[in-house]
């Protein structure tokens, strides 16, 4: 199952949010050698920022029904790009 009736936007954060792409990256079980050097640097930077979408930064936001329940998914643009590049979201 996946998203139903979803809308996706890229707003600017009005406050800090947890990045949900970080959960996917952490659950993937990949290590430094599994990523290109630049991608690993992005991951380490996000970790240093406590896996947050920081106020004032643009992020991706998807709203809709996920498995029958209304949900909102927020992710940093850089981590979302890594999840897509390495097909970490492939099971969605």
N, C-alpha and C. Protein backbone atom coordinates (compact mmCIF):
# COMPACT_ATOMS: atom_id res chain seq x y z
N UNK A 1 0.83 -1.17 0.00
CA UNK A 1 0.00 0.00 0.00
C UNK A 1 0.88 1.24 0.00
N UNK A 2 0.30 2.35 -0.32
CA UNK A 2 1.05 3.60 -0.33
C UNK A 2 0.14 4.77 -0.10
N UNK A 3 0.54 5.90 -0.63
CA UNK A 3 -0.23 7.12 -0.48
C UNK A 3 -1.48 7.11 -1.35
N UNK A 4 -2.55 7.66 -0.83
CA UNK A 4 -3.78 7.88 -1.58
C UNK A 4 -4.14 9.36 -1.43
N UNK A 5 -4.65 9.95 -2.50
CA UNK A 5 -5.10 11.34 -2.48
C UNK A 5 -4.05 12.26 -1.88
N UNK A 6 -2.80 12.07 -2.27
CA UNK A 6 -1.75 12.87 -1.66
C UNK A 6 -1.48 14.15 -2.43
N UNK A 7 -0.98 15.12 -1.71
CA UNK A 7 -0.48 16.35 -2.31
C UNK A 7 0.94 16.54 -1.80
N UNK A 8 1.80 16.97 -2.67
CA UNK A 8 3.19 17.19 -2.31
C UNK A 8 3.55 18.64 -2.60
N UNK A 9 4.26 19.25 -1.66
CA UNK A 9 4.70 20.63 -1.82
C UNK A 9 6.11 20.75 -1.24
N UNK A 10 6.71 21.90 -1.45
CA UNK A 10 8.04 22.17 -0.91
C UNK A 10 8.03 23.52 -0.19
N UNK A 11 7.38 23.56 0.97
CA UNK A 11 7.31 24.82 1.72
C UNK A 11 8.61 25.13 2.45
N UNK A 12 8.68 26.32 3.01
CA UNK A 12 9.77 26.72 3.89
C UNK A 12 9.30 26.47 5.32
N UNK A 13 10.13 25.82 6.11
CA UNK A 13 9.76 25.47 7.49
C UNK A 13 9.57 26.70 8.35
N UNK A 14 8.45 26.78 9.02
CA UNK A 14 8.17 27.87 9.95
C UNK A 14 8.69 27.56 11.35
N UNK A 15 9.05 26.30 11.57
CA UNK A 15 9.63 25.85 12.82
C UNK A 15 10.45 24.60 12.51
N UNK A 16 11.20 24.09 13.47
CA UNK A 16 11.94 22.86 13.28
C UNK A 16 10.98 21.66 13.28
N UNK A 17 11.26 20.70 12.39
CA UNK A 17 10.50 19.45 12.33
C UNK A 17 11.47 18.29 12.31
N UNK A 18 11.06 17.14 12.81
CA UNK A 18 11.89 15.94 12.60
C UNK A 18 11.83 15.54 11.13
N UNK A 19 12.94 15.10 10.60
CA UNK A 19 13.00 14.67 9.21
C UNK A 19 12.68 13.18 9.15
N UNK A 20 11.63 12.84 8.45
CA UNK A 20 11.22 11.44 8.37
C UNK A 20 12.07 10.64 7.39
N UNK A 21 12.73 11.30 6.45
CA UNK A 21 13.66 10.57 5.57
C UNK A 21 14.82 10.02 6.38
N UNK A 22 15.18 10.71 7.45
CA UNK A 22 16.27 10.24 8.32
C UNK A 22 15.95 8.86 8.89
N UNK A 23 14.68 8.63 9.23
CA UNK A 23 14.27 7.32 9.75
C UNK A 23 14.52 6.23 8.71
N UNK A 24 14.17 6.54 7.44
CA UNK A 24 14.38 5.56 6.38
C UNK A 24 15.88 5.27 6.21
N UNK A 25 16.69 6.32 6.25
CA UNK A 25 18.14 6.14 6.09
C UNK A 25 18.69 5.31 7.25
N UNK A 26 18.28 5.64 8.47
CA UNK A 26 18.77 4.90 9.63
C UNK A 26 18.31 3.44 9.62
N UNK A 27 17.09 3.20 9.16
CA UNK A 27 16.56 1.83 9.13
C UNK A 27 17.12 1.00 7.98
N UNK A 28 17.69 1.66 6.97
CA UNK A 28 18.24 0.94 5.82
C UNK A 28 19.46 0.11 6.22
N UNK A 29 20.15 0.52 7.27
CA UNK A 29 21.29 -0.25 7.74
C UNK A 29 22.55 -0.07 6.90
N UNK A 30 22.57 0.94 6.05
CA UNK A 30 23.74 1.19 5.22
C UNK A 30 24.83 1.82 6.09
N UNK A 31 26.07 1.64 5.67
CA UNK A 31 27.20 2.26 6.36
C UNK A 31 27.92 3.19 5.39
N UNK A 32 28.92 3.86 5.87
CA UNK A 32 29.64 4.87 5.09
C UNK A 32 30.05 4.37 3.71
N UNK A 33 30.53 3.16 3.62
CA UNK A 33 30.99 2.62 2.34
C UNK A 33 29.89 2.37 1.33
N UNK A 34 28.66 2.40 1.76
CA UNK A 34 27.53 2.18 0.86
C UNK A 34 27.09 3.44 0.12
N UNK A 35 27.61 4.60 0.54
CA UNK A 35 27.24 5.89 -0.04
C UNK A 35 28.43 6.54 -0.72
N UNK A 36 28.15 7.38 -1.72
CA UNK A 36 29.20 8.20 -2.30
C UNK A 36 29.65 9.19 -1.23
N UNK A 37 30.87 9.67 -1.34
CA UNK A 37 31.46 10.55 -0.33
C UNK A 37 30.61 11.78 -0.06
N UNK A 38 30.12 12.43 -1.11
CA UNK A 38 29.29 13.63 -0.93
C UNK A 38 27.98 13.32 -0.22
N UNK A 39 27.39 12.18 -0.52
CA UNK A 39 26.13 11.79 0.12
C UNK A 39 26.36 11.48 1.60
N UNK A 40 27.48 10.83 1.90
CA UNK A 40 27.80 10.52 3.30
C UNK A 40 27.99 11.82 4.08
N UNK A 41 28.61 12.83 3.46
CA UNK A 41 28.81 14.12 4.12
C UNK A 41 27.46 14.77 4.43
N UNK A 42 26.51 14.65 3.52
CA UNK A 42 25.15 15.19 3.75
C UNK A 42 24.51 14.48 4.92
N UNK A 43 24.64 13.16 4.98
CA UNK A 43 24.06 12.38 6.08
C UNK A 43 24.68 12.79 7.41
N UNK A 44 25.99 12.95 7.46
CA UNK A 44 26.66 13.33 8.70
C UNK A 44 26.26 14.75 9.13
N UNK A 45 26.06 15.65 8.16
CA UNK A 45 25.61 17.01 8.47
C UNK A 45 24.20 16.97 9.07
N UNK A 46 23.33 16.17 8.47
CA UNK A 46 21.97 16.04 9.00
C UNK A 46 21.99 15.45 10.41
N UNK A 47 22.85 14.49 10.63
CA UNK A 47 22.98 13.90 11.97
C UNK A 47 23.44 14.95 12.98
N UNK A 48 24.40 15.80 12.58
CA UNK A 48 24.89 16.87 13.45
C UNK A 48 23.79 17.87 13.77
N UNK A 49 22.82 18.01 12.87
CA UNK A 49 21.68 18.89 13.09
C UNK A 49 20.50 18.15 13.72
N UNK A 50 20.81 17.03 14.35
CA UNK A 50 19.81 16.20 15.06
C UNK A 50 18.68 15.73 14.16
N UNK A 51 18.99 15.48 12.89
CA UNK A 51 18.03 14.94 11.93
C UNK A 51 16.81 15.85 11.78
N UNK A 52 17.00 17.14 11.95
CA UNK A 52 15.89 18.10 11.90
C UNK A 52 15.81 18.80 10.55
N UNK A 53 14.60 19.18 10.21
CA UNK A 53 14.34 20.16 9.16
C UNK A 53 14.37 21.49 9.92
N UNK A 54 15.34 22.32 9.64
CA UNK A 54 15.52 23.53 10.42
C UNK A 54 14.62 24.67 9.92
N UNK A 55 14.16 25.45 10.85
CA UNK A 55 13.33 26.62 10.55
C UNK A 55 14.01 27.45 9.47
N UNK A 56 13.24 27.85 8.47
CA UNK A 56 13.76 28.69 7.40
C UNK A 56 14.31 27.93 6.21
N UNK A 57 14.33 26.60 6.29
CA UNK A 57 14.81 25.81 5.15
C UNK A 57 13.64 25.18 4.40
N UNK A 58 13.83 24.97 3.13
CA UNK A 58 12.81 24.35 2.30
C UNK A 58 12.85 22.84 2.52
N UNK A 59 11.70 22.21 2.49
CA UNK A 59 11.60 20.77 2.67
C UNK A 59 10.47 20.23 1.81
N UNK A 60 10.40 18.92 1.69
CA UNK A 60 9.30 18.30 0.95
C UNK A 60 8.25 17.83 1.96
N UNK A 61 7.01 18.09 1.61
CA UNK A 61 5.89 17.74 2.49
C UNK A 61 4.83 17.01 1.67
N UNK A 62 4.48 15.83 2.11
CA UNK A 62 3.42 15.06 1.47
C UNK A 62 2.31 14.84 2.48
N UNK A 63 1.09 15.18 2.07
CA UNK A 63 -0.09 15.00 2.93
C UNK A 63 -1.09 14.13 2.20
N UNK A 64 -1.75 13.28 2.92
CA UNK A 64 -2.78 12.43 2.33
C UNK A 64 -3.05 11.23 3.20
N UNK A 65 -3.64 10.23 2.58
CA UNK A 65 -3.93 9.00 3.32
C UNK A 65 -2.80 8.01 3.10
N UNK A 66 -2.26 7.51 4.18
CA UNK A 66 -1.24 6.47 4.15
C UNK A 66 -1.85 5.27 4.85
N UNK A 67 -2.04 4.20 4.10
CA UNK A 67 -2.65 2.98 4.62
C UNK A 67 -3.97 3.28 5.32
N UNK A 68 -4.77 4.16 4.69
CA UNK A 68 -6.11 4.45 5.18
C UNK A 68 -6.21 5.54 6.23
N UNK A 69 -5.10 6.05 6.73
CA UNK A 69 -5.10 7.08 7.77
C UNK A 69 -4.47 8.35 7.24
N UNK A 70 -5.04 9.52 7.59
CA UNK A 70 -4.44 10.78 7.19
C UNK A 70 -3.06 10.91 7.83
N UNK A 71 -2.08 11.35 7.04
CA UNK A 71 -0.72 11.49 7.56
C UNK A 71 -0.02 12.64 6.83
N UNK A 72 1.02 13.14 7.44
CA UNK A 72 1.88 14.15 6.85
C UNK A 72 3.30 13.64 6.94
N UNK A 73 3.99 13.65 5.81
CA UNK A 73 5.39 13.21 5.74
C UNK A 73 6.23 14.43 5.41
N UNK A 74 7.24 14.69 6.25
CA UNK A 74 8.15 15.82 6.04
C UNK A 74 9.57 15.30 5.94
N UNK A 75 10.32 15.83 4.97
CA UNK A 75 11.70 15.39 4.80
C UNK A 75 12.58 16.53 4.29
N UNK A 76 13.80 16.57 4.77
CA UNK A 76 14.80 17.48 4.23
C UNK A 76 14.98 17.15 2.75
N UNK A 77 15.16 18.16 1.93
CA UNK A 77 15.35 17.92 0.50
C UNK A 77 16.59 17.07 0.24
N UNK A 78 17.67 17.33 0.98
CA UNK A 78 18.91 16.58 0.74
C UNK A 78 18.77 15.10 1.11
N UNK A 79 18.13 14.80 2.24
CA UNK A 79 17.96 13.40 2.63
C UNK A 79 16.92 12.69 1.76
N UNK A 80 15.89 13.41 1.36
CA UNK A 80 14.89 12.84 0.46
C UNK A 80 15.55 12.44 -0.86
N UNK A 81 16.44 13.29 -1.37
CA UNK A 81 17.16 12.98 -2.61
C UNK A 81 18.03 11.73 -2.46
N UNK A 82 18.66 11.59 -1.30
CA UNK A 82 19.48 10.39 -1.06
C UNK A 82 18.60 9.15 -1.00
N UNK A 83 17.46 9.24 -0.33
CA UNK A 83 16.54 8.09 -0.27
C UNK A 83 16.10 7.68 -1.67
N UNK A 84 15.82 8.65 -2.52
CA UNK A 84 15.42 8.33 -3.89
C UNK A 84 16.59 7.77 -4.70
N UNK A 85 17.75 8.37 -4.57
CA UNK A 85 18.93 7.94 -5.33
C UNK A 85 19.31 6.49 -5.02
N UNK A 86 19.27 6.12 -3.74
CA UNK A 86 19.66 4.77 -3.33
C UNK A 86 18.47 3.82 -3.21
N UNK A 87 17.32 4.27 -3.67
CA UNK A 87 16.09 3.47 -3.66
C UNK A 87 15.74 2.94 -2.27
N UNK A 88 15.96 3.79 -1.28
CA UNK A 88 15.64 3.41 0.09
C UNK A 88 14.12 3.36 0.28
N UNK A 89 13.40 4.15 -0.49
CA UNK A 89 11.94 4.14 -0.42
C UNK A 89 11.33 3.02 -1.26
N UNK A 90 12.11 2.15 -1.83
CA UNK A 90 11.62 1.19 -2.82
C UNK A 90 10.44 0.36 -2.38
N UNK A 91 10.27 0.15 -1.09
CA UNK A 91 9.16 -0.68 -0.62
C UNK A 91 7.85 0.09 -0.49
N UNK A 92 7.89 1.39 -0.80
CA UNK A 92 6.68 2.21 -0.66
C UNK A 92 5.82 2.07 -1.88
